[in-house]
Amino acid sequence: MAESLAGHFGKKKKTLLLDLQSFSALKEQLSDGELWDLADIIYFLRQGKKTFLYKLNSIVRSKQFFDHILPMKNPADLRSVTLAEWTELLEKLAMDSDYRVVVIDFGNDVCGLFQLLSQCTKVYIPVLSDTVSKGKVENFEWNLREEQFEKVLESSQKIYLPGGFDRMNAGTFMEDWVKKAVVL
């Protein structure tokens, strides 16, 4: 779903997709080859060297309308990144790179999730039609209110997925939805 958003934005503006999920389904990531990923970007960020942007450009991979960085292979690496490091990464992308849009596919293991979401211009929340999925979204929203992150709720838009939705139809559904609902 995040790929559909990145592709849509990428048609008009230079776009980068970051996958912050604990377990990614990207086949490239699972290859035997030595591929750089988001853990490497964080490593270079921690080094504090001025070569960060050069390293970023060598790690980024391109798709049809957007760029992306392979997600971290190990969920422990994802959990080790601090809120300050995520914030620094996003600031560097905004100030030092030529990306105008960064689409982030957040997962639960991201340190400072609510704080990071509050920095986002728009938050899209896919919602399945079953009771369990709706309950999870309600719980998420309740936690945002309890932690006083109403700003995230204000910037959120739910994407209601049709009954019987399956991953096979996800790309087509999202492309159609994005064309109708997302303004560039």
N, C-alpha and C. Protein backbone atom coordinates (compact mmCIF):
# COMPACT_ATOMS: atom_id res chain seq x y z
N MET A 1 0.82 -1.19 0.00
CA MET A 1 0.00 0.00 0.00
C MET A 1 0.86 1.25 0.00
N ALA A 2 1.94 1.22 0.79
CA ALA A 2 2.84 2.36 0.82
C ALA A 2 3.49 2.56 -0.55
N GLU A 3 3.74 1.47 -1.25
CA GLU A 3 4.33 1.58 -2.59
C GLU A 3 3.39 2.31 -3.55
N SER A 4 2.10 2.08 -3.42
CA SER A 4 1.14 2.79 -4.27
C SER A 4 1.17 4.29 -3.99
N LEU A 5 1.24 4.66 -2.72
CA LEU A 5 1.33 6.08 -2.36
C LEU A 5 2.63 6.68 -2.91
N ALA A 6 3.74 5.98 -2.70
CA ALA A 6 5.04 6.48 -3.17
C ALA A 6 5.03 6.64 -4.69
N GLY A 7 4.45 5.67 -5.40
CA GLY A 7 4.37 5.75 -6.85
C GLY A 7 3.53 6.93 -7.30
N HIS A 8 2.44 7.18 -6.60
CA HIS A 8 1.55 8.30 -6.94
C HIS A 8 2.27 9.63 -6.75
N PHE A 9 2.88 9.81 -5.59
CA PHE A 9 3.60 11.06 -5.33
C PHE A 9 4.80 11.19 -6.26
N GLY A 10 5.46 10.06 -6.54
CA GLY A 10 6.66 10.07 -7.36
C GLY A 10 6.44 10.52 -8.79
N LYS A 11 5.21 10.49 -9.25
CA LYS A 11 4.92 10.96 -10.61
C LYS A 11 5.09 12.48 -10.71
N LYS A 12 4.98 13.19 -9.60
CA LYS A 12 5.06 14.65 -9.62
C LYS A 12 6.27 15.20 -8.84
N LYS A 13 6.69 14.46 -7.80
CA LYS A 13 7.77 14.95 -6.93
C LYS A 13 8.74 13.81 -6.63
N LYS A 14 10.00 14.15 -6.43
CA LYS A 14 11.00 13.14 -6.09
C LYS A 14 10.63 12.55 -4.74
N THR A 15 10.42 11.22 -4.71
CA THR A 15 9.85 10.54 -3.55
C THR A 15 10.74 9.40 -3.09
N LEU A 16 10.83 9.24 -1.77
CA LEU A 16 11.56 8.14 -1.15
C LEU A 16 10.62 7.35 -0.26
N LEU A 17 10.67 6.04 -0.36
CA LEU A 17 9.87 5.15 0.50
C LEU A 17 10.78 4.51 1.53
N LEU A 18 10.39 4.61 2.80
CA LEU A 18 11.09 3.94 3.89
C LEU A 18 10.15 2.91 4.50
N ASP A 19 10.57 1.66 4.57
CA ASP A 19 9.78 0.58 5.15
C ASP A 19 10.30 0.31 6.56
N LEU A 20 9.51 0.69 7.56
CA LEU A 20 9.89 0.49 8.96
C LEU A 20 9.11 -0.66 9.59
N GLN A 21 8.77 -1.64 8.78
CA GLN A 21 8.10 -2.84 9.28
C GLN A 21 9.16 -3.81 9.83
N SER A 22 8.79 -4.59 10.83
CA SER A 22 9.72 -5.57 11.40
C SER A 22 10.07 -6.67 10.42
N PHE A 23 9.10 -7.09 9.64
CA PHE A 23 9.32 -8.16 8.68
C PHE A 23 8.77 -7.71 7.33
N SER A 24 9.64 -7.62 6.36
CA SER A 24 9.23 -7.14 5.04
C SER A 24 9.05 -8.30 4.09
N ALA A 25 8.17 -8.11 3.13
CA ALA A 25 7.94 -9.13 2.12
C ALA A 25 8.71 -8.86 0.84
N LEU A 26 9.57 -7.84 0.85
CA LEU A 26 10.34 -7.52 -0.34
C LEU A 26 11.30 -8.65 -0.69
N LYS A 27 11.12 -9.23 -1.86
CA LYS A 27 11.96 -10.36 -2.26
C LYS A 27 13.42 -9.96 -2.39
N GLU A 28 13.69 -8.71 -2.80
CA GLU A 28 15.07 -8.25 -2.95
C GLU A 28 15.81 -8.39 -1.63
N GLN A 29 15.11 -8.09 -0.53
CA GLN A 29 15.74 -8.10 0.78
C GLN A 29 16.15 -9.52 1.16
N LEU A 30 15.42 -10.49 0.69
CA LEU A 30 15.67 -11.87 1.09
C LEU A 30 16.70 -12.57 0.21
N SER A 31 17.26 -11.86 -0.74
CA SER A 31 18.23 -12.48 -1.64
C SER A 31 19.51 -12.80 -0.89
N ASP A 32 20.33 -13.65 -1.49
CA ASP A 32 21.59 -14.05 -0.87
C ASP A 32 22.66 -12.98 -1.03
N GLY A 33 22.45 -12.04 -1.92
CA GLY A 33 23.45 -11.01 -2.19
C GLY A 33 23.62 -10.06 -1.02
N GLU A 34 24.76 -9.43 -0.99
CA GLU A 34 25.03 -8.42 0.02
C GLU A 34 24.40 -7.11 -0.42
N LEU A 35 23.22 -6.81 0.07
CA LEU A 35 22.53 -5.58 -0.29
C LEU A 35 22.50 -4.65 0.92
N TRP A 36 22.78 -3.39 0.67
CA TRP A 36 22.70 -2.39 1.72
C TRP A 36 21.24 -2.18 2.09
N ASP A 37 20.97 -1.84 3.34
CA ASP A 37 19.60 -1.60 3.76
C ASP A 37 19.54 -0.43 4.74
N LEU A 38 18.39 -0.23 5.32
CA LEU A 38 18.17 0.90 6.23
C LEU A 38 19.09 0.84 7.45
N ALA A 39 19.48 -0.34 7.88
CA ALA A 39 20.42 -0.46 9.00
C ALA A 39 21.75 0.21 8.65
N ASP A 40 22.16 0.08 7.41
CA ASP A 40 23.40 0.72 6.98
C ASP A 40 23.28 2.24 6.98
N ILE A 41 22.12 2.75 6.57
CA ILE A 41 21.89 4.20 6.59
C ILE A 41 22.00 4.70 8.03
N ILE A 42 21.38 3.98 8.96
CA ILE A 42 21.44 4.38 10.37
C ILE A 42 22.88 4.33 10.88
N TYR A 43 23.63 3.32 10.46
CA TYR A 43 25.04 3.21 10.84
C TYR A 43 25.80 4.45 10.37
N PHE A 44 25.61 4.84 9.12
CA PHE A 44 26.31 6.01 8.58
C PHE A 44 25.85 7.29 9.28
N LEU A 45 24.58 7.35 9.61
CA LEU A 45 24.06 8.50 10.34
C LEU A 45 24.74 8.61 11.71
N ARG A 46 24.90 7.47 12.38
CA ARG A 46 25.54 7.45 13.70
C ARG A 46 27.00 7.86 13.64
N GLN A 47 27.64 7.66 12.50
CA GLN A 47 29.04 8.05 12.34
C GLN A 47 29.19 9.57 12.31
N GLY A 48 28.13 10.25 11.94
CA GLY A 48 28.14 11.71 11.94
C GLY A 48 29.04 12.33 10.89
N LYS A 49 29.37 11.58 9.87
CA LYS A 49 30.26 12.12 8.84
C LYS A 49 29.48 12.90 7.80
N LYS A 50 30.17 13.76 7.13
CA LYS A 50 29.54 14.57 6.10
C LYS A 50 29.26 13.78 4.84
N THR A 51 29.73 12.54 4.80
CA THR A 51 29.51 11.70 3.62
C THR A 51 28.15 11.01 3.65
N PHE A 52 27.31 11.37 4.62
CA PHE A 52 26.01 10.71 4.76
C PHE A 52 25.21 10.73 3.45
N LEU A 53 25.12 11.90 2.83
CA LEU A 53 24.32 12.02 1.61
C LEU A 53 24.90 11.16 0.49
N TYR A 54 26.21 11.12 0.39
CA TYR A 54 26.86 10.26 -0.61
C TYR A 54 26.49 8.79 -0.35
N LYS A 55 26.58 8.38 0.91
CA LYS A 55 26.23 6.99 1.26
C LYS A 55 24.76 6.73 0.96
N LEU A 56 23.90 7.68 1.28
CA LEU A 56 22.48 7.54 1.00
C LEU A 56 22.25 7.29 -0.48
N ASN A 57 22.87 8.09 -1.31
CA ASN A 57 22.68 7.95 -2.76
C ASN A 57 23.19 6.62 -3.29
N SER A 58 24.18 6.03 -2.63
CA SER A 58 24.69 4.74 -3.11
C SER A 58 23.83 3.56 -2.62
N ILE A 59 23.03 3.78 -1.60
CA ILE A 59 22.20 2.71 -1.03
C ILE A 59 20.78 2.71 -1.61
N VAL A 60 20.32 3.86 -2.01
CA VAL A 60 18.96 3.99 -2.54
C VAL A 60 18.80 3.14 -3.79
N ARG A 61 17.65 2.51 -3.90
CA ARG A 61 17.30 1.71 -5.08
C ARG A 61 16.10 2.38 -5.74
N SER A 62 16.01 2.28 -7.04
CA SER A 62 14.93 2.96 -7.76
C SER A 62 13.88 1.98 -8.27
N LYS A 63 12.64 2.41 -8.16
CA LYS A 63 11.52 1.71 -8.79
C LYS A 63 11.01 2.64 -9.89
N GLN A 64 9.86 2.33 -10.46
CA GLN A 64 9.40 3.10 -11.62
C GLN A 64 9.27 4.59 -11.34
N PHE A 65 8.58 4.98 -10.27
CA PHE A 65 8.34 6.41 -10.02
C PHE A 65 8.94 6.90 -8.71
N PHE A 66 9.60 6.05 -7.96
CA PHE A 66 10.12 6.47 -6.65
C PHE A 66 11.37 5.68 -6.30
N ASP A 67 12.06 6.17 -5.29
CA ASP A 67 13.23 5.47 -4.76
C ASP A 67 12.85 4.83 -3.44
N HIS A 68 13.64 3.84 -3.03
CA HIS A 68 13.42 3.23 -1.73
C HIS A 68 14.74 2.68 -1.19
N ILE A 69 14.75 2.44 0.09
CA ILE A 69 15.87 1.80 0.75
C ILE A 69 15.33 0.48 1.29
N LEU A 70 16.07 -0.59 1.08
CA LEU A 70 15.60 -1.87 1.58
C LEU A 70 15.42 -1.79 3.09
N PRO A 71 14.37 -2.42 3.62
CA PRO A 71 14.14 -2.39 5.07
C PRO A 71 15.21 -3.20 5.82
N MET A 72 15.27 -2.98 7.11
CA MET A 72 16.22 -3.72 7.94
C MET A 72 15.86 -5.20 7.94
N LYS A 73 16.85 -6.03 7.88
CA LYS A 73 16.63 -7.47 7.87
C LYS A 73 16.30 -8.01 9.25
N ASN A 74 16.81 -7.35 10.28
CA ASN A 74 16.67 -7.85 11.64
C ASN A 74 15.81 -6.90 12.47
N PRO A 75 14.69 -7.39 13.02
CA PRO A 75 13.83 -6.52 13.83
C PRO A 75 14.56 -5.92 15.03
N ALA A 76 15.57 -6.59 15.57
CA ALA A 76 16.32 -6.03 16.70
C ALA A 76 17.04 -4.75 16.28
N ASP A 77 17.52 -4.71 15.04
CA ASP A 77 18.15 -3.48 14.53
C ASP A 77 17.14 -2.34 14.49
N LEU A 78 15.94 -2.64 14.04
CA LEU A 78 14.88 -1.63 13.96
C LEU A 78 14.56 -1.09 15.35
N ARG A 79 14.45 -2.00 16.33
CA ARG A 79 14.12 -1.57 17.70
C ARG A 79 15.25 -0.77 18.35
N SER A 80 16.48 -0.91 17.85
CA SER A 80 17.61 -0.21 18.47
C SER A 80 17.72 1.25 18.05
N VAL A 81 16.99 1.65 17.03
CA VAL A 81 17.06 3.04 16.54
C VAL A 81 16.23 3.93 17.46
N THR A 82 16.86 4.99 17.96
CA THR A 82 16.18 5.88 18.89
C THR A 82 15.30 6.89 18.16
N LEU A 83 14.41 7.50 18.89
CA LEU A 83 13.58 8.57 18.33
C LEU A 83 14.46 9.70 17.80
N ALA A 84 15.50 10.05 18.53
CA ALA A 84 16.41 11.12 18.08
C ALA A 84 17.05 10.77 16.75
N GLU A 85 17.42 9.50 16.56
CA GLU A 85 18.04 9.08 15.30
C GLU A 85 17.04 9.12 14.14
N TRP A 86 15.81 8.66 14.38
CA TRP A 86 14.79 8.75 13.33
C TRP A 86 14.55 10.21 12.96
N THR A 87 14.45 11.06 13.97
CA THR A 87 14.21 12.48 13.72
C THR A 87 15.37 13.09 12.94
N GLU A 88 16.60 12.74 13.32
CA GLU A 88 17.77 13.25 12.59
C GLU A 88 17.76 12.78 11.13
N LEU A 89 17.41 11.52 10.93
CA LEU A 89 17.34 11.00 9.55
C LEU A 89 16.33 11.78 8.74
N LEU A 90 15.15 11.99 9.28
CA LEU A 90 14.10 12.71 8.55
C LEU A 90 14.51 14.17 8.30
N GLU A 91 15.17 14.79 9.26
CA GLU A 91 15.64 16.16 9.07
C GLU A 91 16.69 16.23 7.96
N LYS A 92 17.62 15.27 7.95
CA LYS A 92 18.65 15.25 6.90
C LYS A 92 18.02 15.03 5.53
N LEU A 93 17.03 14.14 5.47
CA LEU A 93 16.35 13.92 4.20
C LEU A 93 15.66 15.19 3.73
N ALA A 94 15.03 15.90 4.66
CA ALA A 94 14.31 17.12 4.30
C ALA A 94 15.26 18.25 3.89
N MET A 95 16.39 18.36 4.56
CA MET A 95 17.27 19.51 4.34
C MET A 95 18.39 19.24 3.33
N ASP A 96 18.92 18.02 3.33
CA ASP A 96 20.13 17.76 2.54
C ASP A 96 19.90 16.95 1.26
N SER A 97 18.76 16.33 1.14
CA SER A 97 18.51 15.52 -0.06
C SER A 97 17.57 16.28 -1.00
N ASP A 98 17.40 15.73 -2.19
CA ASP A 98 16.46 16.37 -3.12
C ASP A 98 15.09 15.70 -3.11
N TYR A 99 14.81 14.89 -2.07
CA TYR A 99 13.49 14.27 -1.94
C TYR A 99 12.50 15.32 -1.42
N ARG A 100 11.35 15.42 -2.08
CA ARG A 100 10.30 16.35 -1.67
C ARG A 100 9.21 15.63 -0.89
N VAL A 101 9.12 14.30 -1.05
CA VAL A 101 8.14 13.50 -0.33
C VAL A 101 8.85 12.26 0.22
N VAL A 102 8.58 11.94 1.49
CA VAL A 102 9.06 10.70 2.08
C VAL A 102 7.82 9.96 2.58
N VAL A 103 7.60 8.77 2.02
CA VAL A 103 6.50 7.91 2.45
C VAL A 103 7.11 6.89 3.41
N ILE A 104 6.51 6.77 4.59
CA ILE A 104 7.03 5.85 5.59
C ILE A 104 5.97 4.81 5.92
N ASP A 105 6.35 3.56 5.79
CA ASP A 105 5.47 2.45 6.16
C ASP A 105 5.86 2.02 7.57
N PHE A 106 5.15 2.57 8.57
CA PHE A 106 5.49 2.34 9.97
C PHE A 106 5.06 0.95 10.43
N GLY A 107 5.84 0.40 11.37
CA GLY A 107 5.50 -0.83 12.07
C GLY A 107 5.45 -0.55 13.56
N ASN A 108 5.10 -1.56 14.34
CA ASN A 108 4.96 -1.38 15.78
C ASN A 108 6.28 -1.28 16.53
N ASP A 109 7.37 -1.75 15.95
CA ASP A 109 8.65 -1.79 16.66
C ASP A 109 9.46 -0.51 16.55
N VAL A 110 8.88 0.56 16.06
CA VAL A 110 9.59 1.81 15.87
C VAL A 110 9.57 2.61 17.18
N CYS A 111 10.75 2.94 17.68
CA CYS A 111 10.88 3.73 18.90
C CYS A 111 10.33 5.13 18.64
N GLY A 112 9.45 5.59 19.54
CA GLY A 112 8.89 6.93 19.40
C GLY A 112 7.86 7.03 18.29
N LEU A 113 7.13 5.95 18.07
CA LEU A 113 6.17 5.90 16.96
C LEU A 113 5.23 7.09 16.94
N PHE A 114 4.59 7.40 18.07
CA PHE A 114 3.62 8.48 18.09
C PHE A 114 4.27 9.83 17.81
N GLN A 115 5.48 10.05 18.35
CA GLN A 115 6.19 11.30 18.10
C GLN A 115 6.53 11.42 16.61
N LEU A 116 6.95 10.33 16.00
CA LEU A 116 7.26 10.36 14.57
C LEU A 116 6.01 10.60 13.74
N LEU A 117 4.92 9.94 14.10
CA LEU A 117 3.66 10.16 13.38
C LEU A 117 3.23 11.62 13.48
N SER A 118 3.50 12.25 14.62
CA SER A 118 3.10 13.65 14.80
C SER A 118 3.91 14.59 13.91
N GLN A 119 5.05 14.13 13.38
CA GLN A 119 5.85 14.93 12.47
C GLN A 119 5.38 14.79 11.01
N CYS A 120 4.49 13.83 10.76
CA CYS A 120 4.03 13.57 9.41
C CYS A 120 2.94 14.55 8.99
N THR A 121 2.96 14.92 7.73
CA THR A 121 1.94 15.81 7.18
C THR A 121 0.61 15.09 7.08
N LYS A 122 0.65 13.82 6.67
CA LYS A 122 -0.57 13.02 6.49
C LYS A 122 -0.27 11.59 6.94
N VAL A 123 -1.24 10.98 7.62
CA VAL A 123 -1.12 9.60 8.08
C VAL A 123 -2.29 8.81 7.48
N TYR A 124 -1.97 7.80 6.69
CA TYR A 124 -2.99 6.95 6.08
C TYR A 124 -3.05 5.64 6.86
N ILE A 125 -4.27 5.25 7.23
CA ILE A 125 -4.46 4.05 8.05
C ILE A 125 -5.37 3.08 7.30
N PRO A 126 -4.80 1.97 6.80
CA PRO A 126 -5.66 0.96 6.15
C PRO A 126 -6.48 0.22 7.20
N VAL A 127 -7.76 0.03 6.91
CA VAL A 127 -8.66 -0.63 7.85
C VAL A 127 -9.41 -1.74 7.13
N LEU A 128 -9.22 -2.96 7.60
CA LEU A 128 -10.00 -4.09 7.08
C LEU A 128 -11.40 -4.03 7.67
N SER A 129 -12.33 -4.74 7.07
CA SER A 129 -13.73 -4.63 7.49
C SER A 129 -14.10 -5.55 8.65
N ASP A 130 -13.20 -6.45 9.07
CA ASP A 130 -13.56 -7.37 10.14
C ASP A 130 -13.49 -6.67 11.51
N THR A 131 -14.15 -7.25 12.49
CA THR A 131 -14.27 -6.68 13.82
C THR A 131 -12.92 -6.54 14.51
N VAL A 132 -12.06 -7.53 14.37
CA VAL A 132 -10.75 -7.49 15.02
C VAL A 132 -9.93 -6.31 14.50
N SER A 133 -9.90 -6.14 13.20
CA SER A 133 -9.14 -5.04 12.60
C SER A 133 -9.69 -3.69 13.04
N LYS A 134 -11.00 -3.55 13.04
CA LYS A 134 -11.61 -2.30 13.48
C LYS A 134 -11.27 -2.03 14.95
N GLY A 135 -11.27 -3.09 15.76
CA GLY A 135 -10.91 -2.95 17.18
C GLY A 135 -9.47 -2.49 17.36
N LYS A 136 -8.57 -2.98 16.54
CA LYS A 136 -7.16 -2.55 16.63
C LYS A 136 -7.03 -1.06 16.30
N VAL A 137 -7.76 -0.61 15.30
CA VAL A 137 -7.70 0.80 14.94
C VAL A 137 -8.29 1.65 16.06
N GLU A 138 -9.39 1.21 16.65
CA GLU A 138 -9.99 1.94 17.77
C GLU A 138 -9.01 2.02 18.95
N ASN A 139 -8.30 0.92 19.22
CA ASN A 139 -7.32 0.89 20.29
C ASN A 139 -6.17 1.85 19.99
N PHE A 140 -5.71 1.87 18.76
CA PHE A 140 -4.66 2.77 18.32
C PHE A 140 -5.09 4.22 18.54
N GLU A 141 -6.31 4.55 18.13
CA GLU A 141 -6.81 5.91 18.28
C GLU A 141 -6.98 6.28 19.76
N TRP A 142 -7.45 5.34 20.56
CA TRP A 142 -7.60 5.58 22.00
C TRP A 142 -6.24 5.91 22.61
N ASN A 143 -5.21 5.14 22.23
CA ASN A 143 -3.86 5.38 22.75
C ASN A 143 -3.32 6.74 22.31
N LEU A 144 -3.60 7.14 21.08
CA LEU A 144 -3.18 8.47 20.63
C LEU A 144 -3.80 9.55 21.50
N ARG A 145 -5.09 9.40 21.82
CA ARG A 145 -5.77 10.40 22.67
C ARG A 145 -5.19 10.38 24.09
N GLU A 146 -4.99 9.20 24.63
CA GLU A 146 -4.46 9.07 25.99
C GLU A 146 -3.07 9.68 26.11
N GLU A 147 -2.27 9.53 25.08
CA GLU A 147 -0.90 10.06 25.08
C GLU A 147 -0.83 11.49 24.55
N GLN A 148 -2.00 12.07 24.29
CA GLN A 148 -2.15 13.45 23.84
C GLN A 148 -1.48 13.72 22.48
N PHE A 149 -1.75 12.82 21.55
CA PHE A 149 -1.28 12.99 20.17
C PHE A 149 -2.48 13.16 19.23
N GLU A 150 -3.38 14.05 19.63
CA GLU A 150 -4.55 14.33 18.82
C GLU A 150 -4.18 14.84 17.43
N LYS A 151 -3.01 15.49 17.34
CA LYS A 151 -2.54 16.01 16.04
C LYS A 151 -2.44 14.87 15.02
N VAL A 152 -2.05 13.70 15.48
CA VAL A 152 -1.95 12.54 14.57
C VAL A 152 -3.35 12.17 14.08
N LEU A 153 -4.32 12.18 14.98
CA LEU A 153 -5.69 11.88 14.59
C LEU A 153 -6.20 12.89 13.57
N GLU A 154 -5.87 14.15 13.77
CA GLU A 154 -6.31 15.20 12.86
C GLU A 154 -5.70 15.05 11.46
N SER A 155 -4.48 14.53 11.40
CA SER A 155 -3.81 14.38 10.10
C SER A 155 -4.04 13.00 9.49
N SER A 156 -4.86 12.18 10.14
CA SER A 156 -5.08 10.81 9.68
C SER A 156 -6.26 10.70 8.72
N GLN A 157 -6.12 9.77 7.81
CA GLN A 157 -7.21 9.42 6.90
C GLN A 157 -7.25 7.90 6.82
N LYS A 158 -8.41 7.34 7.09
CA LYS A 158 -8.56 5.89 7.03
C LYS A 158 -8.83 5.44 5.60
N ILE A 159 -8.26 4.32 5.26
CA ILE A 159 -8.49 3.69 3.96
C ILE A 159 -9.29 2.42 4.26
N TYR A 160 -10.57 2.46 3.96
CA TYR A 160 -11.42 1.31 4.24
C TYR A 160 -11.29 0.29 3.10
N LEU A 161 -10.75 -0.85 3.44
CA LEU A 161 -10.53 -1.90 2.46
C LEU A 161 -11.80 -2.73 2.33
N PRO A 162 -12.15 -3.13 1.13
CA PRO A 162 -13.41 -3.85 0.92
C PRO A 162 -13.40 -5.23 1.56
N GLY A 163 -14.60 -5.73 1.88
CA GLY A 163 -14.73 -7.09 2.41
C GLY A 163 -14.15 -8.09 1.42
N GLY A 164 -13.52 -9.13 1.94
CA GLY A 164 -12.90 -10.12 1.07
C GLY A 164 -11.59 -9.65 0.48
N PHE A 165 -11.08 -8.55 1.00
CA PHE A 165 -9.83 -7.98 0.50
C PHE A 165 -8.69 -8.97 0.71
N ASP A 166 -7.88 -9.13 -0.31
CA ASP A 166 -6.69 -9.96 -0.15
C ASP A 166 -5.50 -9.27 -0.79
N ARG A 167 -4.34 -9.70 -0.42
CA ARG A 167 -3.10 -9.06 -0.88
C ARG A 167 -2.95 -9.10 -2.40
N MET A 168 -3.57 -10.06 -3.05
CA MET A 168 -3.47 -10.18 -4.50
C MET A 168 -4.08 -8.97 -5.20
N ASN A 169 -5.13 -8.42 -4.59
CA ASN A 169 -5.82 -7.27 -5.18
C ASN A 169 -5.36 -5.94 -4.59
N ALA A 170 -4.43 -5.98 -3.65
CA ALA A 170 -4.02 -4.78 -2.92
C ALA A 170 -3.48 -3.70 -3.84
N GLY A 171 -2.59 -4.06 -4.75
CA GLY A 171 -1.98 -3.07 -5.63
C GLY A 171 -3.01 -2.33 -6.46
N THR A 172 -3.91 -3.06 -7.08
CA THR A 172 -4.93 -2.45 -7.92
C THR A 172 -5.87 -1.57 -7.10
N PHE A 173 -6.32 -2.08 -5.95
CA PHE A 173 -7.21 -1.30 -5.09
C PHE A 173 -6.55 -0.01 -4.67
N MET A 174 -5.30 -0.10 -4.19
CA MET A 174 -4.61 1.08 -3.70
C MET A 174 -4.35 2.09 -4.81
N GLU A 175 -3.98 1.62 -5.97
CA GLU A 175 -3.75 2.55 -7.09
C GLU A 175 -5.02 3.32 -7.41
N ASP A 176 -6.15 2.62 -7.46
CA ASP A 176 -7.44 3.28 -7.72
C ASP A 176 -7.79 4.26 -6.60
N TRP A 177 -7.61 3.82 -5.35
CA TRP A 177 -7.94 4.66 -4.20
C TRP A 177 -7.08 5.92 -4.20
N VAL A 178 -5.78 5.75 -4.40
CA VAL A 178 -4.85 6.88 -4.37
C VAL A 178 -5.23 7.90 -5.44
N LYS A 179 -5.56 7.43 -6.65
CA LYS A 179 -5.91 8.34 -7.74
C LYS A 179 -7.13 9.19 -7.36
N LYS A 180 -8.08 8.58 -6.66
CA LYS A 180 -9.31 9.28 -6.29
C LYS A 180 -9.17 10.15 -5.05
N ALA A 181 -8.38 9.70 -4.06
CA ALA A 181 -8.42 10.33 -2.74
C ALA A 181 -7.22 11.19 -2.36
N VAL A 182 -6.09 11.00 -3.02
CA VAL A 182 -4.87 11.71 -2.60
C VAL A 182 -4.56 12.84 -3.56
N VAL A 183 -4.46 14.02 -3.02
CA VAL A 183 -4.17 15.20 -3.82
C VAL A 183 -2.67 15.43 -3.80
N LEU A 184 -2.11 15.66 -4.98
CA LEU A 184 -0.67 15.93 -5.07
C LEU A 184 -0.36 17.37 -4.71
